[in-house]
């Protein structure tokens, strides 16, 4: 099944979280998406564990990533 219209196709969650943290930092992520894995002792590992089990939070992180990509293209 082709996913040519899915801009996240082929991008791993670890890449998304790493790019967001590098671009925005943990503090911004915690303020934008107030989940414990961003607010209390944040790390890539704890974020991945939480986001893989929590679809609504993963969707918000993916949407923020797409927004970041769009702003970088301008």
Protein backbone atom coordinates (compact mmCIF):
# COMPACT_ATOMS: atom_id res chain seq x y z
CA UNK A 1 0.00 0.00 0.00
CA UNK A 2 1.52 3.28 -1.12
CA UNK A 3 1.56 6.16 1.32
CA UNK A 4 2.65 8.91 -1.03
CA UNK A 5 0.25 11.42 0.53
CA UNK A 6 1.44 10.71 4.08
CA UNK A 7 4.23 13.18 4.91
CA UNK A 8 5.24 11.05 7.91
CA UNK A 9 5.75 7.88 5.84
CA UNK A 10 9.20 6.45 6.50
CA UNK A 11 9.95 8.75 9.45
CA UNK A 12 10.44 6.91 12.74
CA UNK A 13 9.00 8.21 15.99
CA UNK A 14 12.50 8.52 17.46
CA UNK A 15 13.41 10.90 14.61
CA UNK A 16 10.28 12.98 15.20
CA UNK A 17 10.89 13.35 18.94
CA UNK A 18 14.61 14.05 18.44
CA UNK A 19 13.96 16.71 15.81
CA UNK A 20 11.27 18.40 17.91
CA UNK A 21 13.49 18.44 21.00
CA UNK A 22 16.41 19.86 19.01
CA UNK A 23 14.23 22.52 17.38
CA UNK A 24 11.97 23.56 20.28
CA UNK A 25 13.48 22.10 23.46
CA UNK A 26 11.76 20.18 26.24
CA UNK A 27 10.28 23.28 27.90
CA UNK A 28 8.37 24.32 24.78
CA UNK A 29 7.20 20.75 24.20
CA UNK A 30 5.98 20.52 27.80
CA UNK A 31 4.05 23.78 27.44
CA UNK A 32 2.57 22.82 24.07
CA UNK A 33 1.76 19.19 24.88
CA UNK A 34 1.56 18.95 28.68
CA UNK A 35 2.30 15.27 29.23
CA UNK A 36 4.50 13.91 31.99
CA UNK A 37 7.16 12.53 29.64
CA UNK A 38 7.87 16.14 28.59
CA UNK A 39 7.33 17.90 31.93
CA UNK A 40 9.12 15.64 34.45
CA UNK A 41 12.70 14.54 33.75
CA UNK A 42 12.20 14.39 29.96
CA UNK A 43 14.22 12.06 27.76
CA UNK A 44 13.88 10.59 24.29
CA UNK A 45 13.52 7.09 25.77
CA UNK A 46 10.70 7.96 28.19
CA UNK A 47 8.91 9.97 25.51
CA UNK A 48 9.03 7.10 23.02
CA UNK A 49 7.71 4.64 25.59
CA UNK A 50 4.78 6.92 26.44
CA UNK A 51 3.96 7.98 22.87
CA UNK A 52 3.93 4.41 21.56
CA UNK A 53 1.23 3.54 24.13
CA UNK A 54 -0.79 6.76 23.90
CA UNK A 55 -2.31 7.40 20.47
CA UNK A 56 -3.80 10.84 21.25
CA UNK A 57 -0.44 12.18 22.46
CA UNK A 58 1.40 10.68 19.51
CA UNK A 59 -1.05 12.40 17.14
CA UNK A 60 -0.37 15.76 18.80
CA UNK A 61 3.40 15.22 18.56
CA UNK A 62 3.12 14.23 14.89
CA UNK A 63 0.98 17.30 14.16
CA UNK A 64 3.53 19.57 15.86
CA UNK A 65 6.27 17.92 13.78
CA UNK A 66 4.36 18.60 10.55
CA UNK A 67 3.83 22.21 11.63
CA UNK A 68 7.59 22.53 12.27
CA UNK A 69 8.38 21.11 8.82
CA UNK A 70 5.96 23.53 7.15
CA UNK A 71 7.49 26.51 8.97
CA UNK A 72 11.01 25.42 7.92
CA UNK A 73 10.00 25.32 4.25
CA UNK A 74 8.96 28.99 4.28
